[in-house]
Amino acid sequence: MSFWKKVCYELDFQNISRKELAYKIDVPVATINRAIERNSNPYAIDALRISKVLGVSLEYLLEIPQSQDNEDNYSQNESKQLELYKKYHRVIHTLESLSLNKQKIALKIFEQCGELGK
């Protein structure tokens, strides 16, 4: 996934507009829109500022591999967990808003759906 696709994904996930991102990194929103359209490489300082605003590592946005195998395996596992959370965060938050009894019922329904899918 390209730098800008990851940025757009994070913006959508965090409910941040391009305009808000542009304001926070001190560039015109048109600059961000053009960069996304053209899929151009950002300036290093802008990439760093974007990573800080989004609360993600620059390495993640730029797909820079880790230098050590253990760190790489940990990072990949962490990335997978983060992607799963991002994919199912609405479900998790909905479940958390339910009473304990309703949570148990919902989890049983999920488990039964999983059994049907096998």
PDB file of N, CA and C in Angstrom:
ATOM      1  N   MET A   1       0.860  -1.172   0.000  1.00  0.00           N
ATOM      2  CA  MET A   1       0.000   0.000   0.000  1.00  0.00           C
ATOM      3  C   MET A   1       0.909   1.239   0.000  1.00  0.00           C
ATOM      4  N   SER A   2       0.587   2.192  -0.824  1.00  0.00           N
ATOM      5  CA  SER A   2       1.417   3.385  -0.952  1.00  0.00           C
ATOM      6  C   SER A   2       1.276   4.310   0.273  1.00  0.00           C
ATOM      7  N   PHE A   3       2.221   5.236   0.375  1.00  0.00           N
ATOM      8  CA  PHE A   3       2.210   6.213   1.458  1.00  0.00           C
ATOM      9  C   PHE A   3       0.848   6.901   1.540  1.00  0.00           C
ATOM     10  N   TRP A   4       0.376   7.441   0.415  1.00  0.00           N
ATOM     11  CA  TRP A   4      -0.864   8.217   0.439  1.00  0.00           C
ATOM     12  C   TRP A   4      -2.098   7.354   0.662  1.00  0.00           C
ATOM     13  N   LYS A   5      -2.061   6.106   0.206  1.00  0.00           N
ATOM     14  CA  LYS A   5      -3.193   5.210   0.490  1.00  0.00           C
ATOM     15  C   LYS A   5      -3.272   4.941   1.995  1.00  0.00           C
ATOM     16  N   LYS A   6      -2.106   4.757   2.612  1.00  0.00           N
ATOM     17  CA  LYS A   6      -2.096   4.550   4.063  1.00  0.00           C
ATOM     18  C   LYS A   6      -2.570   5.802   4.784  1.00  0.00           C
ATOM     19  N   VAL A   7      -2.140   6.974   4.295  1.00  0.00           N
ATOM     20  CA  VAL A   7      -2.581   8.229   4.909  1.00  0.00           C
ATOM     21  C   VAL A   7      -4.099   8.346   4.800  1.00  0.00           C
ATOM     22  N   CYS A   8      -4.652   8.092   3.622  1.00  0.00           N
ATOM     23  CA  CYS A   8      -6.108   8.175   3.433  1.00  0.00           C
ATOM     24  C   CYS A   8      -6.835   7.172   4.319  1.00  0.00           C
ATOM     25  N   TYR A   9      -6.272   5.989   4.448  1.00  0.00           N
ATOM     26  CA  TYR A   9      -6.863   4.970   5.311  1.00  0.00           C
ATOM     27  C   TYR A   9      -6.896   5.452   6.755  1.00  0.00           C
ATOM     28  N   GLU A  10      -5.785   6.001   7.214  1.00  0.00           N
ATOM     29  CA  GLU A  10      -5.706   6.502   8.587  1.00  0.00           C
ATOM     30  C   GLU A  10      -6.636   7.698   8.790  1.00  0.00           C
ATOM     31  N   LEU A  11      -6.703   8.580   7.806  1.00  0.00           N
ATOM     32  CA  LEU A  11      -7.606   9.728   7.914  1.00  0.00           C
ATOM     33  C   LEU A  11      -9.043   9.255   8.078  1.00  0.00           C
ATOM     34  N   ASP A  12      -9.415   8.288   7.253  1.00  0.00           N
ATOM     35  CA  ASP A  12     -10.775   7.749   7.315  1.00  0.00           C
ATOM     36  C   ASP A  12     -11.024   7.068   8.662  1.00  0.00           C
ATOM     37  N   PHE A  13     -10.073   6.246   9.083  1.00  0.00           N
ATOM     38  CA  PHE A  13     -10.228   5.518  10.340  1.00  0.00           C
ATOM     39  C   PHE A  13     -10.328   6.460  11.530  1.00  0.00           C
ATOM     40  N   GLN A  14      -9.506   7.511  11.525  1.00  0.00           N
ATOM     41  CA  GLN A  14      -9.473   8.434  12.656  1.00  0.00           C
ATOM     42  C   GLN A  14     -10.452   9.591  12.504  1.00  0.00           C
ATOM     43  N   ASN A  15     -11.211   9.563  11.407  1.00  0.00           N
ATOM     44  CA  ASN A  15     -12.208  10.609  11.140  1.00  0.00           C
ATOM     45  C   ASN A  15     -11.575  12.006  11.134  1.00  0.00           C
ATOM     46  N   ILE A  16     -10.461  12.107  10.420  1.00  0.00           N
ATOM     47  CA  ILE A  16      -9.756  13.378  10.253  1.00  0.00           C
ATOM     48  C   ILE A  16      -9.891  13.783   8.783  1.00  0.00           C
ATOM     49  N   SER A  17     -10.237  15.012   8.533  1.00  0.00           N
ATOM     50  CA  SER A  17     -10.364  15.475   7.150  1.00  0.00           C
ATOM     51  C   SER A  17      -8.994  15.857   6.597  1.00  0.00           C
ATOM     52  N   ARG A  18      -8.914  15.899   5.287  1.00  0.00           N
ATOM     53  CA  ARG A  18      -7.681  16.357   4.639  1.00  0.00           C
ATOM     54  C   ARG A  18      -7.386  17.800   5.026  1.00  0.00           C
ATOM     55  N   LYS A  19      -8.439  18.583   5.140  1.00  0.00           N
ATOM     56  CA  LYS A  19      -8.285  19.987   5.513  1.00  0.00           C
ATOM     57  C   LYS A  19      -7.657  20.102   6.905  1.00  0.00           C
ATOM     58  N   GLU A  20      -8.134  19.275   7.837  1.00  0.00           N
ATOM     59  CA  GLU A  20      -7.590  19.290   9.199  1.00  0.00           C
ATOM     60  C   GLU A  20      -6.131  18.843   9.204  1.00  0.00           C
ATOM     61  N   LEU A  21      -5.821  17.803   8.421  1.00  0.00           N
ATOM     62  CA  LEU A  21      -4.435  17.344   8.323  1.00  0.00           C
ATOM     63  C   LEU A  21      -3.553  18.451   7.764  1.00  0.00           C
ATOM     64  N   ALA A  22      -4.021  19.092   6.705  1.00  0.00           N
ATOM     65  CA  ALA A  22      -3.247  20.174   6.086  1.00  0.00           C
ATOM     66  C   ALA A  22      -2.969  21.288   7.092  1.00  0.00           C
ATOM     67  N   TYR A  23      -3.978  21.638   7.858  1.00  0.00           N
ATOM     68  CA  TYR A  23      -3.818  22.685   8.869  1.00  0.00           C
ATOM     69  C   TYR A  23      -2.764  22.285   9.898  1.00  0.00           C
ATOM     70  N   LYS A  24      -2.840  21.026  10.351  1.00  0.00           N
ATOM     71  CA  LYS A  24      -1.941  20.566  11.411  1.00  0.00           C
ATOM     72  C   LYS A  24      -0.492  20.437  10.945  1.00  0.00           C
ATOM     73  N   ILE A  25      -0.283  20.202   9.645  1.00  0.00           N
ATOM     74  CA  ILE A  25       1.104  20.101   9.168  1.00  0.00           C
ATOM     75  C   ILE A  25       1.539  21.375   8.445  1.00  0.00           C
ATOM     76  N   ASP A  26       0.659  22.360   8.454  1.00  0.00           N
ATOM     77  CA  ASP A  26       0.979  23.689   7.920  1.00  0.00           C
ATOM     78  C   ASP A  26       1.298  23.689   6.429  1.00  0.00           C
ATOM     79  N   VAL A  27       0.415  23.038   5.650  1.00  0.00           N
ATOM     80  CA  VAL A  27       0.491  23.111   4.186  1.00  0.00           C
ATOM     81  C   VAL A  27      -0.917  23.361   3.656  1.00  0.00           C
ATOM     82  N   PRO A  28      -1.048  23.909   2.461  1.00  0.00           N
ATOM     83  CA  PRO A  28      -2.386  24.099   1.890  1.00  0.00           C
ATOM     84  C   PRO A  28      -3.054  22.747   1.609  1.00  0.00           C
ATOM     85  N   VAL A  29      -4.344  22.679   1.783  1.00  0.00           N
ATOM     86  CA  VAL A  29      -5.067  21.434   1.527  1.00  0.00           C
ATOM     87  C   VAL A  29      -4.921  21.032   0.056  1.00  0.00           C
ATOM     88  N   ALA A  30      -4.794  21.998  -0.834  1.00  0.00           N
ATOM     89  CA  ALA A  30      -4.607  21.697  -2.257  1.00  0.00           C
ATOM     90  C   ALA A  30      -3.325  20.897  -2.478  1.00  0.00           C
ATOM     91  N   THR A  31      -2.312  21.155  -1.678  1.00  0.00           N
ATOM     92  CA  THR A  31      -1.051  20.421  -1.788  1.00  0.00           C
ATOM     93  C   THR A  31      -1.264  18.951  -1.454  1.00  0.00           C
ATOM     94  N   ILE A  32      -2.020  18.710  -0.408  1.00  0.00           N
ATOM     95  CA  ILE A  32      -2.313  17.321  -0.020  1.00  0.00           C
ATOM     96  C   ILE A  32      -3.174  16.650  -1.082  1.00  0.00           C
ATOM     97  N   ASN A  33      -4.200  17.356  -1.556  1.00  0.00           N
ATOM     98  CA  ASN A  33      -5.066  16.779  -2.575  1.00  0.00           C
ATOM     99  C   ASN A  33      -4.283  16.411  -3.830  1.00  0.00           C
ATOM    100  N   ARG A  34      -3.388  17.295  -4.269  1.00  0.00           N
ATOM    101  CA  ARG A  34      -2.565  17.016  -5.461  1.00  0.00           C
ATOM    102  C   ARG A  34      -1.633  15.834  -5.225  1.00  0.00           C
ATOM    103  N   ALA A  35      -1.024  15.800  -4.049  1.00  0.00           N
ATOM    104  CA  ALA A  35      -0.105  14.703  -3.737  1.00  0.00           C
ATOM    105  C   ALA A  35      -0.831  13.360  -3.746  1.00  0.00           C
ATOM    106  N   ILE A  36      -2.044  13.349  -3.207  1.00  0.00           N
ATOM    107  CA  ILE A  36      -2.840  12.116  -3.197  1.00  0.00           C
ATOM    108  C   ILE A  36      -3.228  11.733  -4.614  1.00  0.00           C
ATOM    109  N   GLU A  37      -3.697  12.704  -5.395  1.00  0.00           N
ATOM    110  CA  GLU A  37      -4.071  12.454  -6.787  1.00  0.00           C
ATOM    111  C   GLU A  37      -2.914  11.880  -7.587  1.00  0.00           C
ATOM    112  N   ARG A  38      -1.749  12.486  -7.430  1.00  0.00           N
ATOM    113  CA  ARG A  38      -0.572  12.110  -8.214  1.00  0.00           C
ATOM    114  C   ARG A  38       0.226  10.970  -7.579  1.00  0.00           C
ATOM    115  N   ASN A  39      -0.106  10.633  -6.355  1.00  0.00           N
ATOM    116  CA  ASN A  39       0.627   9.631  -5.593  1.00  0.00           C
ATOM    117  C   ASN A  39       2.119   9.971  -5.560  1.00  0.00           C
ATOM    118  N   SER A  40       2.391  11.250  -5.356  1.00  0.00           N
ATOM    119  CA  SER A  40       3.779  11.724  -5.344  1.00  0.00           C
ATOM    120  C   SER A  40       4.405  11.544  -3.975  1.00  0.00           C
ATOM    121  N   ASN A  41       5.712  11.500  -3.949  1.00  0.00           N
ATOM    122  CA  ASN A  41       6.424  11.366  -2.680  1.00  0.00           C
ATOM    123  C   ASN A  41       6.379  12.682  -1.920  1.00  0.00           C
ATOM    124  N   PRO A  42       6.064  12.620  -0.640  1.00  0.00           N
ATOM    125  CA  PRO A  42       6.026  13.851   0.160  1.00  0.00           C
ATOM    126  C   PRO A  42       7.447  14.294   0.522  1.00  0.00           C
ATOM    127  N   TYR A  43       7.580  15.549   0.882  1.00  0.00           N
ATOM    128  CA  TYR A  43       8.837  16.008   1.459  1.00  0.00           C
ATOM    129  C   TYR A  43       9.030  15.270   2.780  1.00  0.00           C
ATOM    130  N   ALA A  44      10.274  15.047   3.136  1.00  0.00           N
ATOM    131  CA  ALA A  44      10.574  14.302   4.361  1.00  0.00           C
ATOM    132  C   ALA A  44       9.929  14.943   5.588  1.00  0.00           C
ATOM    133  N   ILE A  45      10.019  16.255   5.689  1.00  0.00           N
ATOM    134  CA  ILE A  45       9.451  16.936   6.862  1.00  0.00           C
ATOM    135  C   ILE A  45       7.934  16.781   6.903  1.00  0.00           C
ATOM    136  N   ASP A  46       7.285  16.820   5.736  1.00  0.00           N
ATOM    137  CA  ASP A  46       5.830  16.638   5.700  1.00  0.00           C
ATOM    138  C   ASP A  46       5.446  15.203   6.071  1.00  0.00           C
ATOM    139  N   ALA A  47       6.215  14.233   5.587  1.00  0.00           N
ATOM    140  CA  ALA A  47       5.942  12.835   5.927  1.00  0.00           C
ATOM    141  C   ALA A  47       6.066  12.630   7.438  1.00  0.00           C
ATOM    142  N   LEU A  48       7.090  13.223   8.034  1.00  0.00           N
ATOM    143  CA  LEU A  48       7.278  13.115   9.483  1.00  0.00           C
ATOM    144  C   LEU A  48       6.128  13.776  10.235  1.00  0.00           C
ATOM    145  N   ARG A  49       5.734  14.963   9.794  1.00  0.00           N
ATOM    146  CA  ARG A  49       4.621  15.665  10.456  1.00  0.00           C
ATOM    147  C   ARG A  49       3.318  14.882  10.323  1.00  0.00           C
ATOM    148  N   ILE A  50       3.089  14.316   9.141  1.00  0.00           N
ATOM    149  CA  ILE A  50       1.869  13.515   8.923  1.00  0.00           C
ATOM    150  C   ILE A  50       1.866  12.321   9.867  1.00  0.00           C
ATOM    151  N   SER A  51       3.001  11.637   9.990  1.00  0.00           N
ATOM    152  CA  SER A  51       3.057  10.463  10.879  1.00  0.00           C
ATOM    153  C   SER A  51       2.758  10.859  12.319  1.00  0.00           C
ATOM    154  N   LYS A  52       3.243  12.018  12.735  1.00  0.00           N
ATOM    155  CA  LYS A  52       2.989  12.473  14.104  1.00  0.00           C
ATOM    156  C   LYS A  52       1.522  12.832  14.308  1.00  0.00           C
ATOM    157  N   VAL A  53       0.923  13.526  13.336  1.00  0.00           N
ATOM    158  CA  VAL A  53      -0.496  13.888  13.443  1.00  0.00           C
ATOM    159  C   VAL A  53      -1.365  12.633  13.505  1.00  0.00           C
ATOM    160  N   LEU A  54      -1.021  11.636  12.690  1.00  0.00           N
ATOM    161  CA  LEU A  54      -1.825  10.411  12.636  1.00  0.00           C
ATOM    162  C   LEU A  54      -1.485   9.434  13.760  1.00  0.00           C
ATOM    163  N   GLY A  55      -0.386   9.688  14.462  1.00  0.00           N
ATOM    164  CA  GLY A  55      -0.004   8.806  15.557  1.00  0.00           C
ATOM    165  C   GLY A  55       0.475   7.447  15.089  1.00  0.00           C
ATOM    166  N   VAL A  56       1.086   7.408  13.911  1.00  0.00           N
ATOM    167  CA  VAL A  56       1.644   6.163  13.382  1.00  0.00           C
ATOM    168  C   VAL A  56       3.114   6.397  13.076  1.00  0.00           C
ATOM    169  N   SER A  57       3.862   5.327  12.953  1.00  0.00           N
ATOM    170  CA  SER A  57       5.292   5.485  12.699  1.00  0.00           C
ATOM    171  C   SER A  57       5.530   5.873  11.238  1.00  0.00           C
ATOM    172  N   LEU A  58       6.601   6.593  11.046  1.00  0.00           N
ATOM    173  CA  LEU A  58       7.015   6.953   9.692  1.00  0.00           C
ATOM    174  C   LEU A  58       7.377   5.686   8.920  1.00  0.00           C
ATOM    175  N   GLU A  59       7.952   4.724   9.613  1.00  0.00           N
ATOM    176  CA  GLU A  59       8.308   3.456   8.981  1.00  0.00           C
ATOM    177  C   GLU A  59       7.076   2.762   8.419  1.00  0.00           C
ATOM    178  N   TYR A  60       5.972   2.805   9.167  1.00  0.00           N
ATOM    179  CA  TYR A  60       4.715   2.202   8.695  1.00  0.00           C
ATOM    180  C   TYR A  60       4.238   2.890   7.422  1.00  0.00           C
ATOM    181  N   LEU A  61       4.225   4.220   7.425  1.00  0.00           N
ATOM    182  CA  LEU A  61       3.736   4.950   6.258  1.00  0.00           C
ATOM    183  C   LEU A  61       4.630   4.739   5.036  1.00  0.00           C
ATOM    184  N   LEU A  62       5.931   4.631   5.256  1.00  0.00           N
ATOM    185  CA  LEU A  62       6.879   4.492   4.154  1.00  0.00           C
ATOM    186  C   LEU A  62       7.228   3.039   3.843  1.00  0.00           C
ATOM    187  N   GLU A  63       6.708   2.107   4.623  1.00  0.00           N
ATOM    188  CA  GLU A  63       6.985   0.677   4.463  1.00  0.00           C
ATOM    189  C   GLU A  63       8.476   0.387   4.524  1.00  0.00           C
ATOM    190  N   ILE A  64       9.138   0.949   5.537  1.00  0.00           N
ATOM    191  CA  ILE A  64      10.560   0.693   5.743  1.00  0.00           C
ATOM    192  C   ILE A  64      10.680  -0.564   6.595  1.00  0.00           C
ATOM    193  N   PRO A  65      11.359  -1.590   6.093  1.00  0.00           N
ATOM    194  CA  PRO A  65      11.482  -2.825   6.876  1.00  0.00           C
ATOM    195  C   PRO A  65      12.370  -2.619   8.095  1.00  0.00           C
ATOM    196  N   GLN A  66      12.077  -3.383   9.138  1.00  0.00           N
ATOM    197  CA  GLN A  66      12.870  -3.340  10.359  1.00  0.00           C
ATOM    198  C   GLN A  66      14.203  -4.040  10.108  1.00  0.00           C
ATOM    199  N   SER A  67      15.229  -3.650  10.833  1.00  0.00           N
ATOM    200  CA  SER A  67      16.559  -4.199  10.605  1.00  0.00           C
ATOM    201  C   SER A  67      16.799  -5.525  11.318  1.00  0.00           C
ATOM    202  N   GLN A  68      16.108  -5.786  12.399  1.00  0.00           N
ATOM    203  CA  GLN A  68      16.322  -7.018  13.150  1.00  0.00           C
ATOM    204  C   GLN A  68      15.123  -7.928  13.001  1.00  0.00           C
ATOM    205  N   ASP A  69      15.391  -9.249  12.876  1.00  0.00           N
ATOM    206  CA  ASP A  69      14.319 -10.219  12.662  1.00  0.00           C
ATOM    207  C   ASP A  69      13.278 -10.197  13.771  1.00  0.00           C
ATOM    208  N   ASN A  70      13.718 -10.149  15.031  1.00  0.00           N
ATOM    209  CA  ASN A  70      12.758 -10.146  16.137  1.00  0.00           C
ATOM    210  C   ASN A  70      11.865  -8.920  16.090  1.00  0.00           C
ATOM    211  N   GLU A  71      12.476  -7.767  15.851  1.00  0.00           N
ATOM    212  CA  GLU A  71      11.687  -6.541  15.765  1.00  0.00           C
ATOM    213  C   GLU A  71      10.735  -6.616  14.588  1.00  0.00           C
ATOM    214  N   ASP A  72      11.203  -7.198  13.481  1.00  0.00           N
ATOM    215  CA  ASP A  72      10.374  -7.301  12.288  1.00  0.00           C
ATOM    216  C   ASP A  72       9.173  -8.207  12.544  1.00  0.00           C
ATOM    217  N   ASN A  73       9.408  -9.366  13.175  1.00  0.00           N
ATOM    218  CA  ASN A  73       8.302 -10.274  13.487  1.00  0.00           C
ATOM    219  C   ASN A  73       7.317  -9.626  14.441  1.00  0.00           C
ATOM    220  N   TYR A  74       7.849  -8.930  15.448  1.00  0.00           N
ATOM    221  CA  TYR A  74       6.986  -8.230  16.395  1.00  0.00           C
ATOM    222  C   TYR A  74       6.190  -7.152  15.689  1.00  0.00           C
ATOM    223  N   SER A  75       6.868  -6.412  14.831  1.00  0.00           N
ATOM    224  CA  SER A  75       6.219  -5.323  14.104  1.00  0.00           C
ATOM    225  C   SER A  75       5.129  -5.862  13.182  1.00  0.00           C
ATOM    226  N   GLN A  76       5.414  -6.968  12.497  1.00  0.00           N
ATOM    227  CA  GLN A  76       4.407  -7.559  11.611  1.00  0.00           C
ATOM    228  C   GLN A  76       3.202  -8.039  12.413  1.00  0.00           C
ATOM    229  N   ASN A  77       3.452  -8.689  13.549  1.00  0.00           N
ATOM    230  CA  ASN A  77       2.360  -9.154  14.389  1.00  0.00           C
ATOM    231  C   ASN A  77       1.547  -7.978  14.919  1.00  0.00           C
ATOM    232  N   GLU A  78       2.255  -6.948  15.354  1.00  0.00           N
ATOM    233  CA  GLU A  78       1.591  -5.751  15.850  1.00  0.00           C
ATOM    234  C   GLU A  78       0.769  -5.103  14.743  1.00  0.00           C
ATOM    235  N   SER A  79       1.306  -5.062  13.541  1.00  0.00           N
ATOM    236  CA  SER A  79       0.588  -4.486  12.404  1.00  0.00           C
ATOM    237  C   SER A  79      -0.667  -5.281  12.094  1.00  0.00           C
ATOM    238  N   LYS A  80      -0.561  -6.610  12.152  1.00  0.00           N
ATOM    239  CA  LYS A  80      -1.729  -7.451  11.891  1.00  0.00           C
ATOM    240  C   LYS A  80      -2.813  -7.208  12.941  1.00  0.00           C
ATOM    241  N   GLN A  81      -2.381  -7.113  14.204  1.00  0.00           N
ATOM    242  CA  GLN A  81      -3.336  -6.852  15.278  1.00  0.00           C
ATOM    243  C   GLN A  81      -4.001  -5.494  15.097  1.00  0.00           C
ATOM    244  N   LEU A  82      -3.204  -4.506  14.711  1.00  0.00           N
ATOM    245  CA  LEU A  82      -3.740  -3.166  14.483  1.00  0.00           C
ATOM    246  C   LEU A  82      -4.728  -3.169  13.321  1.00  0.00           C
ATOM    247  N   GLU A  83      -4.399  -3.869  12.252  1.00  0.00           N
ATOM    248  CA  GLU A  83      -5.305  -3.948  11.105  1.00  0.00           C
ATOM    249  C   GLU A  83      -6.621  -4.627  11.495  1.00  0.00           C
ATOM    250  N   LEU A  84      -6.532  -5.695  12.298  1.00  0.00           N
ATOM    251  CA  LEU A  84      -7.756  -6.355  12.755  1.00  0.00           C
ATOM    252  C   LEU A  84      -8.599  -5.419  13.608  1.00  0.00           C
ATOM    253  N   TYR A  85      -7.938  -4.689  14.496  1.00  0.00           N
ATOM    254  CA  TYR A  85      -8.682  -3.742  15.323  1.00  0.00           C
ATOM    255  C   TYR A  85      -9.353  -2.687  14.454  1.00  0.00           C
ATOM    256  N   LYS A  86      -8.619  -2.169  13.494  1.00  0.00           N
ATOM    257  CA  LYS A  86      -9.188  -1.145  12.620  1.00  0.00           C
ATOM    258  C   LYS A  86     -10.374  -1.692  11.840  1.00  0.00           C
ATOM    259  N   LYS A  87     -10.259  -2.949  11.429  1.00  0.00           N
ATOM    260  CA  LYS A  87     -11.335  -3.561  10.657  1.00  0.00           C
ATOM    261  C   LYS A  87     -12.589  -3.774  11.513  1.00  0.00           C
ATOM    262  N   TYR A  88     -12.395  -4.155  12.773  1.00  0.00           N
ATOM    263  CA  TYR A  88     -13.531  -4.531  13.617  1.00  0.00           C
ATOM    264  C   TYR A  88     -13.786  -3.583  14.786  1.00  0.00           C
ATOM    265  N   HIS A  89     -13.211  -2.384  14.743  1.00  0.00           N
ATOM    266  CA  HIS A  89     -13.354  -1.492  15.896  1.00  0.00           C
ATOM    267  C   HIS A  89     -14.804  -1.120  16.173  1.00  0.00           C
ATOM    268  N   ARG A  90     -15.622  -1.003  15.137  1.00  0.00           N
ATOM    269  CA  ARG A  90     -17.038  -0.658  15.365  1.00  0.00           C
ATOM    270  C   ARG A  90     -17.755  -1.777  16.109  1.00  0.00           C
ATOM    271  N   VAL A  91     -17.438  -3.014  15.738  1.00  0.00           N
ATOM    272  CA  VAL A  91     -18.052  -4.158  16.409  1.00  0.00           C
ATOM    273  C   VAL A  91     -17.638  -4.182  17.883  1.00  0.00           C
ATOM    274  N   ILE A  92     -16.355  -3.966  18.126  1.00  0.00           N
ATOM    275  CA  ILE A  92     -15.845  -3.971  19.497  1.00  0.00           C
ATOM    276  C   ILE A  92     -16.516  -2.888  20.333  1.00  0.00           C
ATOM    277  N   HIS A  93     -16.587  -1.685  19.781  1.00  0.00           N
ATOM    278  CA  HIS A  93     -17.207  -0.587  20.532  1.00  0.00           C
ATOM    279  C   HIS A  93     -18.696  -0.831  20.756  1.00  0.00           C
ATOM    280  N   THR A  94     -19.360  -1.423  19.790  1.00  0.00           N
ATOM    281  CA  THR A  94     -20.778  -1.750  19.959  1.00  0.00           C
ATOM    282  C   THR A  94     -20.950  -2.783  21.063  1.00  0.00           C
ATOM    283  N   LEU A  95     -20.113  -3.824  21.049  1.00  0.00           N
ATOM    284  CA  LEU A  95     -20.186  -4.838  22.099  1.00  0.00           C
ATOM    285  C   LEU A  95     -19.921  -4.230  23.474  1.00  0.00           C
ATOM    286  N   GLU A  96     -18.940  -3.339  23.557  1.00  0.00           N
ATOM    287  CA  GLU A  96     -18.605  -2.714  24.834  1.00  0.00           C
ATOM    288  C   GLU A  96     -19.755  -1.860  25.378  1.00  0.00           C
ATOM    289  N   SER A  97     -20.610  -1.372  24.503  1.00  0.00           N
ATOM    290  CA  SER A  97     -21.715  -0.534  24.954  1.00  0.00           C
ATOM    291  C   SER A  97     -22.897  -1.355  25.492  1.00  0.00           C
ATOM    292  N   LEU A  98     -22.858  -2.666  25.269  1.00  0.00           N
ATOM    293  CA  LEU A  98     -23.939  -3.540  25.719  1.00  0.00           C
ATOM    294  C   LEU A  98     -23.725  -3.968  27.167  1.00  0.00           C
ATOM    295  N   SER A  99     -24.812  -4.405  27.795  1.00  0.00           N
ATOM    296  CA  SER A  99     -24.697  -4.974  29.136  1.00  0.00           C
ATOM    297  C   SER A  99     -23.940  -6.300  29.031  1.00  0.00           C
ATOM    298  N   LEU A 100     -23.406  -6.772  30.153  1.00  0.00           N
ATOM    299  CA  LEU A 100     -22.648  -8.029  30.149  1.00  0.00           C
ATOM    300  C   LEU A 100     -23.481  -9.187  29.622  1.00  0.00           C
ATOM    301  N   ASN A 101     -24.753  -9.226  30.006  1.00  0.00           N
ATOM    302  CA  ASN A 101     -25.635 -10.302  29.565  1.00  0.00           C
ATOM    303  C   ASN A 101     -25.801 -10.263  28.041  1.00  0.00           C
ATOM    304  N   LYS A 102     -26.001  -9.072  27.485  1.00  0.00           N
ATOM    305  CA  LYS A 102     -26.166  -8.939  26.038  1.00  0.00           C
ATOM    306  C   LYS A 102     -24.850  -9.210  25.313  1.00  0.00           C
ATOM    307  N   GLN A 103     -23.732  -8.888  25.944  1.00  0.00           N
ATOM    308  CA  GLN A 103     -22.431  -9.203  25.347  1.00  0.00           C
ATOM    309  C   GLN A 103     -22.266 -10.717  25.203  1.00  0.00           C
ATOM    310  N   LYS A 104     -22.647 -11.458  26.243  1.00  0.00           N
ATOM    311  CA  LYS A 104     -22.541 -12.918  26.208  1.00  0.00           C
ATOM    312  C   LYS A 104     -23.417 -13.491  25.099  1.00  0.00           C
ATOM    313  N   ILE A 105     -24.617 -12.950  24.967  1.00  0.00           N
ATOM    314  CA  ILE A 105     -25.532 -13.418  23.912  1.00  0.00           C
ATOM    315  C   ILE A 105     -24.945 -13.128  22.536  1.00  0.00           C
ATOM    316  N   ALA A 106     -24.430 -11.923  22.357  1.00  0.00           N
ATOM    317  CA  ALA A 106     -23.846 -11.539  21.062  1.00  0.00           C
ATOM    318  C   ALA A 106     -22.648 -12.423  20.727  1.00  0.00           C
ATOM    319  N   LEU A 107     -21.803 -12.716  21.717  1.00  0.00           N
ATOM    320  CA  LEU A 107     -20.646 -13.577  21.477  1.00  0.00           C
ATOM    321  C   LEU A 107     -21.065 -14.994  21.098  1.00  0.00           C
ATOM    322  N   LYS A 108     -22.127 -15.488  21.721  1.00  0.00           N
ATOM    323  CA  LYS A 108     -22.645 -16.811  21.348  1.00  0.00           C
ATOM    324  C   LYS A 108     -23.138 -16.804  19.906  1.00  0.00           C
ATOM    325  N   ILE A 109     -23.784 -15.725  19.505  1.00  0.00           N
ATOM    326  CA  ILE A 109     -24.262 -15.601  18.127  1.00  0.00           C
ATOM    327  C   ILE A 109     -23.075 -15.608  17.166  1.00  0.00           C
ATOM    328  N   PHE A 110     -22.015 -14.870  17.489  1.00  0.00           N
ATOM    329  CA  PHE A 110     -20.808 -14.854  16.664  1.00  0.00           C
ATOM    330  C   PHE A 110     -20.219 -16.264  16.554  1.00  0.00           C
ATOM    331  N   GLU A 111     -20.138 -16.949  17.685  1.00  0.00           N
ATOM    332  CA  GLU A 111     -19.579 -18.290  17.680  1.00  0.00           C
ATOM    333  C   GLU A 111     -20.407 -19.240  16.816  1.00  0.00           C
ATOM    334  N   GLN A 112     -21.744 -19.120  16.908  1.00  0.00           N
ATOM    335  CA  GLN A 112     -22.610 -19.954  16.107  1.00  0.00           C
ATOM    336  C   GLN A 112     -22.465 -19.640  14.617  1.00  0.00           C
ATOM    337  N   CYS A 113     -22.303 -18.368  14.292  1.00  0.00           N
ATOM    338  CA  CYS A 113     -22.079 -17.976  12.898  1.00  0.00           C
ATOM    339  C   CYS A 113     -20.763 -18.561  12.390  1.00  0.00           C
ATOM    340  N   GLY A 114     -19.760 -18.562  13.256  1.00  0.00           N
ATOM    341  CA  GLY A 114     -18.471 -19.150  12.889  1.00  0.00           C
ATOM    342  C   GLY A 114     -18.584 -20.640  12.630  1.00  0.00           C
ATOM    343  N   GLU A 115     -19.378 -21.321  13.428  1.00  0.00           N
ATOM    344  CA  GLU A 115     -19.588 -22.757  13.237  1.00  0.00           C
ATOM    345  C   GLU A 115     -20.318 -23.021  11.915  1.00  0.00           C
ATOM    346  N   LEU A 116     -21.254 -22.173  11.563  1.00  0.00           N
ATOM    347  CA  LEU A 116     -21.982 -22.347  10.305  1.00  0.00           C
ATOM    348  C   LEU A 116     -21.064 -22.159   9.097  1.00  0.00           C
ATOM    349  N   GLY A 117     -20.074 -21.318   9.267  1.00  0.00           N
ATOM    350  CA  GLY A 117     -19.154 -21.032   8.164  1.00  0.00           C
ATOM    351  C   GLY A 117     -18.137 -22.131   7.903  1.00  0.00           C
ATOM    352  N   LYS A 118     -18.032 -23.104   8.812  1.00  0.00           N
ATOM    353  CA  LYS A 118     -17.028 -24.177   8.658  1.00  0.00           C
ATOM    354  C   LYS A 118     -17.502 -25.244   7.722  1.00  0.00           C
TER     355      LYS A 118
END
